[in-house]
C-alpha atoms as a PDB file:
ATOM      1  CA  UNK A   1      -3.576  28.762  -5.942  1.00  0.00           C
ATOM      2  CA  UNK A   2      -0.584  26.513  -5.287  1.00  0.00           C
ATOM      3  CA  UNK A   3      -2.359  24.812  -2.384  1.00  0.00           C
ATOM      4  CA  UNK A   4      -5.224  23.912  -4.686  1.00  0.00           C
ATOM      5  CA  UNK A   5      -2.868  22.601  -7.349  1.00  0.00           C
ATOM      6  CA  UNK A   6      -0.770  20.636  -4.854  1.00  0.00           C
ATOM      7  CA  UNK A   7      -3.769  18.966  -3.268  1.00  0.00           C
ATOM      8  CA  UNK A   8      -5.199  17.889  -6.630  1.00  0.00           C
ATOM      9  CA  UNK A   9      -2.370  15.427  -7.231  1.00  0.00           C
ATOM     10  CA  UNK A  10      -2.263  13.974  -3.731  1.00  0.00           C
ATOM     11  CA  UNK A  11      -6.002  13.424  -3.401  1.00  0.00           C
ATOM     12  CA  UNK A  12      -5.866  10.590  -5.919  1.00  0.00           C
ATOM     13  CA  UNK A  13      -2.445   9.102  -5.170  1.00  0.00           C
ATOM     14  CA  UNK A  14      -1.777   5.388  -4.763  1.00  0.00           C
ATOM     15  CA  UNK A  15      -1.551   3.992  -1.247  1.00  0.00           C
ATOM     16  CA  UNK A  16       1.907   3.920   0.288  1.00  0.00           C
ATOM     17  CA  UNK A  17       3.138   1.615   3.023  1.00  0.00           C
ATOM     18  CA  UNK A  18       3.919   3.720   6.092  1.00  0.00           C
ATOM     19  CA  UNK A  19       4.838   0.988   8.591  1.00  0.00           C
ATOM     20  CA  UNK A  20       4.858  -2.734   9.190  1.00  0.00           C
ATOM     21  CA  UNK A  21       5.117  -5.177  12.054  1.00  0.00           C
ATOM     22  CA  UNK A  22       7.687  -6.610  11.983  1.00  0.00           C
ATOM     23  CA  UNK A  23       9.398  -3.510  10.633  1.00  0.00           C
ATOM     24  CA  UNK A  24      11.210  -3.618   7.304  1.00  0.00           C
ATOM     25  CA  UNK A  25      14.780  -4.943   7.753  1.00  0.00           C
ATOM     26  CA  UNK A  26      14.105  -5.899  11.400  1.00  0.00           C
ATOM     27  CA  UNK A  27      15.831  -8.812  13.115  1.00  0.00           C
ATOM     28  CA  UNK A  28      13.558 -10.955  15.277  1.00  0.00           C
ATOM     29  CA  UNK A  29      14.437 -13.822  17.580  1.00  0.00           C
ATOM     30  CA  UNK A  30      11.046 -15.513  17.280  1.00  0.00           C
ATOM     31  CA  UNK A  31       8.673 -15.412  14.365  1.00  0.00           C
ATOM     32  CA  UNK A  32       5.618 -13.155  14.507  1.00  0.00           C
ATOM     33  CA  UNK A  33       2.120 -14.633  14.800  1.00  0.00           C
ATOM     34  CA  UNK A  34       0.925 -12.078  12.231  1.00  0.00           C
ATOM     35  CA  UNK A  35       2.375  -9.571   9.810  1.00  0.00           C
ATOM     36  CA  UNK A  36       0.645  -6.191   9.802  1.00  0.00           C
ATOM     37  CA  UNK A  37       1.040  -3.683   6.974  1.00  0.00           C
ATOM     38  CA  UNK A  38      -0.155  -0.115   7.575  1.00  0.00           C
ATOM     39  CA  UNK A  39      -0.830   2.199   4.634  1.00  0.00           C
ATOM     40  CA  UNK A  40      -1.403   5.948   4.399  1.00  0.00           C
ATOM     41  CA  UNK A  41      -4.984   5.484   3.131  1.00  0.00           C
ATOM     42  CA  UNK A  42      -7.752   2.939   3.472  1.00  0.00           C
ATOM     43  CA  UNK A  43      -7.275  -0.286   1.508  1.00  0.00           C
ATOM     44  CA  UNK A  44     -10.188  -1.599  -0.513  1.00  0.00           C
ATOM     45  CA  UNK A  45     -11.139  -4.868   1.186  1.00  0.00           C
ATOM     46  CA  UNK A  46     -11.477  -8.224  -0.494  1.00  0.00           C
ATOM     47  CA  UNK A  47      -9.462 -11.396  -0.141  1.00  0.00           C
ATOM     48  CA  UNK A  48      -9.529 -11.741  -3.921  1.00  0.00           C
ATOM     49  CA  UNK A  49      -8.044  -8.276  -4.449  1.00  0.00           C
ATOM     50  CA  UNK A  50      -5.399  -8.241  -1.709  1.00  0.00           C
ATOM     51  CA  UNK A  51      -2.650 -10.827  -1.360  1.00  0.00           C
ATOM     52  CA  UNK A  52       0.239 -11.234   1.060  1.00  0.00           C
ATOM     53  CA  UNK A  53       2.831 -13.958   0.639  1.00  0.00           C
ATOM     54  CA  UNK A  54       5.640 -14.645   3.113  1.00  0.00           C
ATOM     55  CA  UNK A  55       8.647 -16.337   1.521  1.00  0.00           C
ATOM     56  CA  UNK A  56      11.490 -17.696   3.622  1.00  0.00           C
ATOM     57  CA  UNK A  57      14.803 -19.420   3.026  1.00  0.00           C
ATOM     58  CA  UNK A  58      14.660 -21.866   0.127  1.00  0.00           C
ATOM     59  CA  UNK A  59      11.676 -19.992  -1.377  1.00  0.00           C
ATOM     60  CA  UNK A  60       9.281 -21.677   1.066  1.00  0.00           C
ATOM     61  CA  UNK A  61       5.993 -19.960   1.977  1.00  0.00           C
ATOM     62  CA  UNK A  62       4.963 -19.185   5.557  1.00  0.00           C
ATOM     63  CA  UNK A  63       1.642 -17.311   5.440  1.00  0.00           C
ATOM     64  CA  UNK A  64      -0.969 -19.011   7.614  1.00  0.00           C
ATOM     65  CA  UNK A  65      -4.146 -17.859   5.874  1.00  0.00           C
ATOM     66  CA  UNK A  66      -5.814 -15.087   3.923  1.00  0.00           C
ATOM     67  CA  UNK A  67      -5.105 -11.418   4.636  1.00  0.00           C
ATOM     68  CA  UNK A  68      -7.764  -9.340   6.397  1.00  0.00           C
ATOM     69  CA  UNK A  69      -8.336  -5.645   5.785  1.00  0.00           C
ATOM     70  CA  UNK A  70      -9.426  -3.107   8.381  1.00  0.00           C
ATOM     71  CA  UNK A  71      -9.366   0.480   7.105  1.00  0.00           C
ATOM     72  CA  UNK A  72      -5.680   1.151   6.304  1.00  0.00           C
ATOM     73  CA  UNK A  73      -4.279  -2.065   7.845  1.00  0.00           C
ATOM     74  CA  UNK A  74      -3.741  -5.413   6.161  1.00  0.00           C
ATOM     75  CA  UNK A  75      -2.993  -8.340   8.486  1.00  0.00           C
ATOM     76  CA  UNK A  76      -2.032 -11.887   7.571  1.00  0.00           C
ATOM     77  CA  UNK A  77      -1.502 -14.813   9.973  1.00  0.00           C
ATOM     78  CA  UNK A  78       1.956 -16.399   9.945  1.00  0.00           C
ATOM     79  CA  UNK A  79       2.755 -20.069  10.448  1.00  0.00           C
ATOM     80  CA  UNK A  80       5.371 -20.890  13.057  1.00  0.00           C
ATOM     81  CA  UNK A  81       8.592 -20.073  11.227  1.00  0.00           C
ATOM     82  CA  UNK A  82      11.286 -22.638  10.517  1.00  0.00           C
ATOM     83  CA  UNK A  83      14.848 -21.941   9.444  1.00  0.00           C
ATOM     84  CA  UNK A  84      16.753 -18.880  10.532  1.00  0.00           C
ATOM     85  CA  UNK A  85      17.372 -16.404   7.739  1.00  0.00           C
ATOM     86  CA  UNK A  86      15.699 -13.728   5.662  1.00  0.00           C
ATOM     87  CA  UNK A  87      11.932 -13.685   5.134  1.00  0.00           C
ATOM     88  CA  UNK A  88      10.286 -11.545   2.430  1.00  0.00           C
ATOM     89  CA  UNK A  89       6.725 -10.290   2.762  1.00  0.00           C
ATOM     90  CA  UNK A  90       5.383  -9.543  -0.705  1.00  0.00           C
ATOM     91  CA  UNK A  91       2.068  -7.784  -0.978  1.00  0.00           C
ATOM     92  CA  UNK A  92      -0.391  -6.585  -3.581  1.00  0.00           C
ATOM     93  CA  UNK A  93      -3.277  -4.470  -2.349  1.00  0.00           C
ATOM     94  CA  UNK A  94      -6.070  -2.552  -4.030  1.00  0.00           C
ATOM     95  CA  UNK A  95      -5.345   1.114  -3.415  1.00  0.00           C
ATOM     96  CA  UNK A  96      -7.983   3.619  -2.351  1.00  0.00           C
ATOM     97  CA  UNK A  97      -7.852   5.035  -5.908  1.00  0.00           C
ATOM     98  CA  UNK A  98      -8.656   1.618  -7.387  1.00  0.00           C
ATOM     99  CA  UNK A  99      -5.185   0.717  -8.642  1.00  0.00           C
ATOM    100  CA  UNK A 100      -3.110  -2.250  -7.468  1.00  0.00           C
ATOM    101  CA  UNK A 101      -0.052  -1.444  -5.371  1.00  0.00           C
ATOM    102  CA  UNK A 102       2.782  -3.938  -4.948  1.00  0.00           C
ATOM    103  CA  UNK A 103       5.692  -3.939  -2.578  1.00  0.00           C
ATOM    104  CA  UNK A 104       7.866  -5.947  -0.259  1.00  0.00           C
ATOM    105  CA  UNK A 105       9.349  -5.778   3.220  1.00  0.00           C
ATOM    106  CA  UNK A 106      11.995  -8.061   4.668  1.00  0.00           C
ATOM    107  CA  UNK A 107      12.865  -9.273   8.121  1.00  0.00           C
ATOM    108  CA  UNK A 108      15.438 -11.702   9.472  1.00  0.00           C
ATOM    109  CA  UNK A 109      14.715 -14.573  11.861  1.00  0.00           C
ATOM    110  CA  UNK A 110      17.855 -14.921  13.998  1.00  0.00           C
ATOM    111  CA  UNK A 111      16.971 -18.242  15.717  1.00  0.00           C
ATOM    112  CA  UNK A 112      15.462 -21.213  13.907  1.00  0.00           C
ATOM    113  CA  UNK A 113      11.921 -22.200  14.823  1.00  0.00           C
ATOM    114  CA  UNK A 114      10.117 -25.537  14.637  1.00  0.00           C
ATOM    115  CA  UNK A 115       7.602 -24.638  11.927  1.00  0.00           C
ATOM    116  CA  UNK A 116       7.009 -26.233   8.558  1.00  0.00           C
ATOM    117  CA  UNK A 117       6.254 -24.239   5.407  1.00  0.00           C
ATOM    118  CA  UNK A 118       2.830 -23.897   3.843  1.00  0.00           C
ATOM    119  CA  UNK A 119       1.855 -25.820   0.760  1.00  0.00           C
ATOM    120  CA  UNK A 120       2.252 -23.531  -2.208  1.00  0.00           C
ATOM    121  CA  UNK A 121      -1.182 -22.583  -3.513  1.00  0.00           C
ATOM    122  CA  UNK A 122      -0.464 -19.205  -5.095  1.00  0.00           C
ATOM    123  CA  UNK A 123       2.705 -17.780  -6.593  1.00  0.00           C
ATOM    124  CA  UNK A 124       4.372 -14.955  -4.706  1.00  0.00           C
ATOM    125  CA  UNK A 125       3.528 -11.514  -6.068  1.00  0.00           C
ATOM    126  CA  UNK A 126       6.178 -10.056  -8.360  1.00  0.00           C
ATOM    127  CA  UNK A 127       7.720  -7.331  -6.218  1.00  0.00           C
ATOM    128  CA  UNK A 128      10.607  -6.498  -8.521  1.00  0.00           C
ATOM    129  CA  UNK A 129       8.859  -3.459 -10.001  1.00  0.00           C
ATOM    130  CA  UNK A 130       6.378  -1.521  -7.865  1.00  0.00           C
ATOM    131  CA  UNK A 131       3.179  -0.609  -9.677  1.00  0.00           C
ATOM    132  CA  UNK A 132       3.304   2.849 -11.141  1.00  0.00           C
ATOM    133  CA  UNK A 133       1.228   4.996 -13.403  1.00  0.00           C
ATOM    134  CA  UNK A 134      -2.258   4.345 -14.529  1.00  0.00           C
ATOM    135  CA  UNK A 135      -5.250   6.521 -13.985  1.00  0.00           C
ATOM    136  CA  UNK A 136      -5.383  10.174 -14.900  1.00  0.00           C
ATOM    137  CA  UNK A 137      -2.033  11.953 -15.386  1.00  0.00           C
ATOM    138  CA  UNK A 138      -1.203  14.599 -12.784  1.00  0.00           C
ATOM    139  CA  UNK A 139      -1.026  17.365 -15.398  1.00  0.00           C
ATOM    140  CA  UNK A 140      -4.748  16.905 -16.120  1.00  0.00           C
ATOM    141  CA  UNK A 141      -5.543  17.617 -12.452  1.00  0.00           C
ATOM    142  CA  UNK A 142      -3.267  20.665 -12.491  1.00  0.00           C
ATOM    143  CA  UNK A 143      -4.910  22.097 -15.615  1.00  0.00           C
ATOM    144  CA  UNK A 144      -8.350  21.412 -14.138  1.00  0.00           C
ATOM    145  CA  UNK A 145      -7.416  23.168 -10.895  1.00  0.00           C
ATOM    146  CA  UNK A 146      -6.110  26.213 -12.785  1.00  0.00           C
ATOM    147  CA  UNK A 147      -9.318  26.393 -14.876  1.00  0.00           C
ATOM    148  CA  UNK A 148     -11.487  26.148 -11.742  1.00  0.00           C
ATOM    149  CA  UNK A 149      -9.434  28.835 -10.057  1.00  0.00           C
ATOM    150  CA  UNK A 150      -9.804  31.083 -13.121  1.00  0.00           C
ATOM    151  CA  UNK A 151     -13.577  30.574 -13.191  1.00  0.00           C
ATOM    152  CA  UNK A 152     -13.716  31.423  -9.490  1.00  0.00           C
ATOM    153  CA  UNK A 153     -11.726  34.640  -9.981  1.00  0.00           C
ATOM    154  CA  UNK A 154     -13.881  35.766 -12.921  1.00  0.00           C
ATOM    155  CA  UNK A 155     -17.076  34.996 -10.978  1.00  0.00           C
ATOM    156  CA  UNK A 156     -15.816  36.877  -7.917  1.00  0.00           C
ATOM    157  CA  UNK A 157     -14.861  39.889 -10.057  1.00  0.00           C
ATOM    158  CA  UNK A 158     -18.286  39.995 -11.722  1.00  0.00           C
ATOM    159  CA  UNK A 159     -20.148  39.647  -8.453  1.00  0.00           C
ATOM    160  CA  UNK A 160     -17.926  42.203  -6.747  1.00  0.00           C
ATOM    161  CA  UNK A 161     -18.199  44.689  -9.642  1.00  0.00           C
ATOM    162  CA  UNK A 162     -21.994  44.421  -9.797  1.00  0.00           C
ATOM    163  CA  UNK A 163     -22.514  45.416  -6.148  1.00  0.00           C
ATOM    164  CA  UNK A 164     -20.817  48.859  -6.457  1.00  0.00           C
ATOM    165  CA  UNK A 165     -23.295  50.254  -9.032  1.00  0.00           C
END
């Protein structure tokens, strides 16, 4: 019974970032050619629904194009980085359950590069508050699972009782 109830809530959960390259809080000597974000579930693919913005020192942007989606991975090209310092990778993706998920990772460039920032065409996603809620509350899934389990028990008892006559 508890396995059924526990799986009801997780089957429709929002995507969660499980890894990134570069890793969150990593220090790198040279800038990456791409940033790859790996989630626990497939990401719904569309360049209009998924955004990744790389913001460096001085609030300059360093993404080199649109993100691409392949199953549970979102990859965005990165321009050659410029000043040494902290870079923030803000993302908003469309979760497998249809809800937007926002987040941010950070990495530090330890040696300055020769790159120049991108022209700003879109504002960076607001990563101050990750997206939460929305959809059907978990308690509804729990009640539904309990009702289904009850119906199954009653059906099994009736079928089992009818065969002994």
